[in-house]
Amino acid sequence: MKLPIFKTLVPIGVSFFLMGCSHTVDFRSSHFAVPHVADEQWQGQVAFSSAQPTEITLIADKESNPPDRTIDINDDTSEEGFFETLFVLDTFGLETDLTLFPQVELYLYGTSNFGLRWQFLGHGNGAGKWVASIQGAYGTWNDESGTEAELDFADTQVTTSELGLSIGYKFERAIVYISGIQNTHTTETEVINSHGTFGPYEDEGIHTTVSLGVSTYGPGFLLGLEYNAINIEWNESLEDTQETLGLRLGFGW
């Protein structure tokens, strides 16, 4: 006797069970490295951005003894179609940019990643010219899953360093640009389960992103759209690619 419903429900149930036991960290996939620094000191902008994240599973099973250290890239979305993942906007971030000196601005993503951007080409008033910038950033943050009380807890400390180059063309109210960003992520993960405390487990990933985007600039409402092609490598042995769309909304002063 065939039980088609049973055959459908069993894989779904197993998937939810495995997702509940795993520990996954979401990384930013869209950076909006627009090659523009405001003209005057203390000018800047605040913007929200959203895109499908890069999901790295660092612990496949938190409850095993020892924890299963199988690492995976975008495991939850690997079976979905191209357009299903490309047009997903489910991770939101806040970035603040503030001009410190001519051509140099401080940018803050979230609450823990700080960087500097230097516009070395085409700075100042006027449209119809090429612009370019370089940037670097550094930050640390934590990602947790589960609870210590229920003995299925995992905590990852992430340290991120960033280098980037962006080149574009400046129109009257918008900039079209292409950028290359490399993020190096080092992680330390500790697991607490019914068998004891494990770790810290150390891992390292390099995410290289090439983006093609368009964004408005200057005082007033800001709107940006960006296509991202990402190469993802972890522990020098696991590699994958990803494509996302990013959306940015904000205002400048």
Protein backbone atom coordinates (compact mmCIF):
# COMPACT_ATOMS: atom_id res chain seq x y z
CA MET A 1 0.00 0.00 0.00
CA LYS A 2 1.42 3.36 -1.02
CA LEU A 3 1.30 6.27 1.40
CA PRO A 4 2.22 9.36 -0.64
CA ILE A 5 1.37 11.78 2.17
CA PHE A 6 3.59 9.84 4.58
CA LYS A 7 6.45 9.92 2.07
CA THR A 8 6.08 13.69 1.82
CA LEU A 9 5.81 14.40 5.53
CA VAL A 10 8.74 12.27 6.66
CA PRO A 11 11.43 14.25 4.78
CA ILE A 12 9.86 17.51 5.94
CA GLY A 13 9.88 16.34 9.54
CA VAL A 14 13.48 15.19 9.30
CA SER A 15 14.50 18.55 7.79
CA PHE A 16 12.87 20.50 10.62
CA PHE A 17 14.52 18.23 13.18
CA LEU A 18 17.96 18.75 11.67
CA MET A 19 17.44 22.50 11.40
CA GLY A 20 16.55 22.59 15.08
CA CYS A 21 19.78 20.79 16.03
CA SER A 22 22.12 22.81 13.82
CA HIS A 23 23.83 26.15 14.42
CA THR A 24 23.94 28.55 11.48
CA VAL A 25 25.41 32.05 11.23
CA ASP A 26 24.11 34.60 8.70
CA PHE A 27 26.61 36.83 6.90
CA ARG A 28 25.99 39.97 4.89
CA SER A 29 25.83 39.41 1.12
CA SER A 30 25.19 42.98 -0.09
CA HIS A 31 27.53 45.85 0.86
CA PHE A 32 26.48 48.92 -1.15
CA ALA A 33 30.06 50.17 -1.47
CA VAL A 34 29.00 53.29 -3.38
CA PRO A 35 32.14 55.28 -4.39
CA HIS A 36 30.93 58.56 -2.94
CA VAL A 37 31.90 60.61 0.11
CA ALA A 38 29.83 63.68 1.00
CA ASP A 39 31.42 67.02 0.10
CA GLU A 40 31.42 68.69 3.53
CA GLN A 41 32.59 67.59 6.97
CA TRP A 42 29.83 66.03 9.13
CA GLN A 43 27.59 65.41 6.15
CA GLY A 44 26.48 61.80 5.78
CA GLN A 45 23.62 59.36 5.48
CA VAL A 46 21.68 56.65 7.30
CA ALA A 47 20.23 53.74 5.34
CA PHE A 48 18.56 50.37 5.84
CA SER A 49 19.63 47.58 3.50
CA SER A 50 18.24 44.10 2.90
CA ALA A 51 19.27 40.99 0.95
CA GLN A 52 19.30 37.21 1.16
CA PRO A 53 22.14 36.41 3.61
CA THR A 54 24.96 33.94 3.18
CA GLU A 55 24.14 31.14 5.64
CA ILE A 56 27.05 29.15 7.08
CA THR A 57 26.24 26.08 9.18
CA LEU A 58 29.10 25.71 11.66
CA ILE A 59 27.56 22.92 13.78
CA ALA A 60 25.39 20.34 12.01
CA ASP A 61 24.18 18.72 15.25
CA LYS A 62 24.56 20.49 18.60
CA GLU A 63 23.20 17.54 20.59
CA SER A 64 25.60 14.77 19.52
CA ASN A 65 28.69 13.69 21.48
CA PRO A 66 30.86 15.35 20.32
CA PRO A 67 28.89 17.93 18.28
CA ASP A 68 28.81 17.22 14.55
CA ARG A 69 31.24 19.69 12.97
CA THR A 70 30.07 19.27 9.38
CA ILE A 71 30.17 22.73 7.80
CA ASP A 72 27.72 23.67 5.06
CA ILE A 73 27.07 26.72 2.88
CA ASN A 74 23.49 27.91 2.31
CA ASP A 75 22.11 24.49 3.23
CA ASP A 76 18.57 25.80 3.83
CA THR A 77 18.37 27.40 0.38
CA SER A 78 20.45 25.00 -1.73
CA GLU A 79 17.38 23.15 -3.02
CA GLU A 80 15.49 26.31 -3.99
CA GLY A 81 15.43 27.77 -7.48
CA PHE A 82 17.56 30.68 -8.67
CA PHE A 83 14.80 33.28 -8.63
CA GLU A 84 13.43 32.00 -5.31
CA THR A 85 16.68 32.93 -3.57
CA LEU A 86 17.67 35.94 -5.69
CA PHE A 87 14.60 37.99 -4.79
CA VAL A 88 14.52 37.18 -1.06
CA LEU A 89 15.03 40.19 1.23
CA ASP A 90 15.06 38.75 4.73
CA THR A 91 18.12 40.16 6.48
CA PHE A 92 18.05 43.85 7.39
CA GLY A 93 20.99 46.02 8.37
CA LEU A 94 21.55 49.64 9.31
CA GLU A 95 24.54 51.57 7.97
CA THR A 96 25.59 55.07 8.97
CA ASP A 97 28.14 57.10 6.98
CA LEU A 98 29.72 60.32 8.28
CA THR A 99 32.32 62.49 6.51
CA LEU A 100 35.29 63.14 8.80
CA PHE A 101 37.68 64.90 6.42
CA PRO A 102 37.64 65.83 2.73
CA GLN A 103 37.30 62.57 0.77
CA VAL A 104 37.23 60.37 3.92
CA GLU A 105 34.20 59.02 5.75
CA LEU A 106 33.55 56.71 8.69
CA TYR A 107 30.94 54.01 8.13
CA LEU A 108 29.28 51.82 10.72
CA TYR A 109 27.29 48.70 9.86
CA GLY A 110 25.08 47.47 12.68
CA THR A 111 26.66 48.24 16.04
CA SER A 112 30.03 46.53 15.80
CA ASN A 113 31.58 46.84 12.32
CA PHE A 114 33.51 50.07 11.74
CA GLY A 115 35.24 51.14 8.53
CA LEU A 116 36.81 53.99 6.59
CA ARG A 117 36.11 54.88 2.97
CA TRP A 118 38.43 57.12 0.90
CA GLN A 119 37.12 58.58 -2.34
CA PHE A 120 40.36 59.09 -4.24
CA LEU A 121 38.82 59.96 -7.62
CA GLY A 122 36.15 62.50 -8.62
CA HIS A 123 35.41 63.97 -5.19
CA GLY A 124 33.47 67.23 -5.00
CA ASN A 125 30.55 68.91 -6.71
CA GLY A 126 29.58 68.18 -10.26
CA ALA A 127 28.14 65.33 -12.27
CA GLY A 128 29.31 63.61 -15.42
CA LYS A 129 32.58 62.22 -14.08
CA TRP A 130 34.20 59.00 -12.94
CA VAL A 131 34.44 58.29 -9.22
CA ALA A 132 36.32 55.65 -7.24
CA SER A 133 36.95 54.71 -3.62
CA ILE A 134 38.69 52.16 -1.44
CA GLN A 135 37.52 50.99 1.96
CA GLY A 136 38.50 48.85 4.92
CA ALA A 137 36.58 47.71 7.98
CA TYR A 138 36.86 45.56 11.09
CA GLY A 139 34.43 44.28 13.71
CA THR A 140 33.41 41.52 16.08
CA TRP A 141 29.95 40.19 16.94
CA ASN A 142 28.22 37.15 18.42
CA ASP A 143 25.56 34.78 17.11
CA GLU A 144 23.73 32.37 19.44
CA SER A 145 21.21 29.57 19.03
CA GLY A 146 19.34 27.48 21.60
CA THR A 147 19.53 27.97 25.36
CA GLU A 148 21.93 26.79 28.05
CA ALA A 149 18.99 25.72 30.23
CA GLU A 150 17.77 23.27 27.57
CA LEU A 151 21.33 22.04 26.90
CA ASP A 152 21.27 22.77 23.16
CA PHE A 153 23.26 26.01 23.18
CA ALA A 154 25.83 27.26 20.66
CA ASP A 155 27.60 30.61 20.70
CA THR A 156 29.84 31.89 17.90
CA GLN A 157 32.11 34.91 18.13
CA VAL A 158 32.76 36.29 14.66
CA THR A 159 35.66 38.58 13.77
CA THR A 160 35.42 40.21 10.34
CA SER A 161 37.95 42.22 8.34
CA GLU A 162 36.99 43.88 5.06
CA LEU A 163 38.80 45.35 2.05
CA GLY A 164 37.10 46.83 -0.98
CA LEU A 165 37.41 48.84 -4.19
CA SER A 166 34.57 50.56 -6.04
CA ILE A 167 34.50 52.41 -9.37
CA GLY A 168 31.52 54.23 -10.85
CA TYR A 169 30.12 57.03 -12.96
CA LYS A 170 28.39 59.98 -11.31
CA PHE A 171 25.22 61.37 -12.83
CA GLU A 172 23.22 64.37 -11.59
CA ARG A 173 21.43 62.42 -8.86
CA ALA A 174 22.69 58.83 -9.03
CA ILE A 175 25.88 56.79 -9.30
CA VAL A 176 26.23 53.58 -11.30
CA TYR A 177 29.09 51.48 -9.95
CA ILE A 178 30.87 48.15 -9.79
CA SER A 179 32.60 47.05 -6.60
CA GLY A 180 34.74 44.23 -5.29
CA ILE A 181 34.64 43.40 -1.57
CA GLN A 182 36.57 40.72 0.29
CA ASN A 183 35.50 39.76 3.81
CA THR A 184 37.61 37.44 5.95
CA HIS A 185 35.61 35.88 8.79
CA THR A 186 37.21 34.00 11.67
CA THR A 187 34.89 32.23 14.11
CA GLU A 188 35.13 30.57 17.52
CA THR A 189 32.14 28.40 18.47
CA GLU A 190 31.33 26.90 21.86
CA VAL A 191 28.62 24.26 22.32
CA ILE A 192 26.83 23.23 25.51
CA ASN A 193 24.68 20.09 25.44
CA SER A 194 23.71 17.22 27.74
CA HIS A 195 27.15 15.67 27.28
CA GLY A 196 29.11 18.71 28.44
CA THR A 197 30.82 21.79 27.04
CA PHE A 198 32.71 21.57 23.75
CA GLY A 199 35.03 23.91 21.91
CA PRO A 200 35.88 26.55 21.11
CA TYR A 201 35.94 25.34 17.52
CA GLU A 202 37.82 27.63 15.13
CA ASP A 203 36.89 28.18 11.48
CA GLU A 204 37.73 30.71 8.79
CA GLY A 205 35.83 31.85 5.73
CA ILE A 206 36.58 34.21 2.86
CA HIS A 207 33.63 35.81 1.04
CA THR A 208 34.52 37.64 -2.18
CA THR A 209 31.70 39.76 -3.61
CA VAL A 210 31.50 41.49 -6.98
CA SER A 211 28.54 43.89 -7.16
CA LEU A 212 26.90 45.96 -9.87
CA GLY A 213 24.64 48.66 -8.49
CA VAL A 214 22.97 52.02 -8.79
CA SER A 215 22.31 54.41 -5.92
CA THR A 216 21.20 57.97 -5.40
CA TYR A 217 23.42 60.24 -3.31
CA GLY A 218 23.45 63.55 -1.48
CA PRO A 219 20.91 65.17 0.85
CA GLY A 220 17.37 63.82 0.83
CA PHE A 221 15.85 60.42 0.12
CA LEU A 222 18.26 57.61 -0.80
CA LEU A 223 17.45 54.57 -2.93
CA GLY A 224 19.83 51.85 -4.06
CA LEU A 225 19.64 48.51 -5.88
CA GLU A 226 22.53 46.07 -6.17
CA TYR A 227 23.23 42.70 -7.82
CA ASN A 228 25.84 40.57 -6.06
CA ALA A 229 27.86 37.56 -7.22
CA ILE A 230 29.62 35.94 -4.26
CA ASN A 231 32.35 33.31 -4.02
CA ILE A 232 32.34 31.63 -0.60
CA GLU A 233 35.20 29.55 0.80
CA TRP A 234 35.49 28.03 4.27
CA ASN A 235 38.49 26.29 5.85
CA GLU A 236 40.23 26.20 2.43
CA SER A 237 38.24 23.10 1.51
CA LEU A 238 34.57 24.00 1.11
CA GLU A 239 33.57 26.36 -1.69
CA ASP A 240 30.31 27.58 -3.22
CA THR A 241 28.80 30.54 -5.07
CA GLN A 242 25.73 32.68 -4.47
CA GLU A 243 23.81 35.45 -6.24
CA THR A 244 21.64 37.99 -4.43
CA LEU A 245 19.82 41.28 -4.93
CA GLY A 246 20.16 44.04 -2.35
CA LEU A 247 17.82 46.95 -1.68
CA ARG A 248 18.74 50.11 0.24
CA LEU A 249 16.49 52.88 1.57
CA GLY A 250 17.58 55.87 3.64
CA PHE A 251 18.24 59.58 3.75
CA GLY A 252 21.22 61.90 3.57
CA TRP A 253 21.96 65.28 5.10
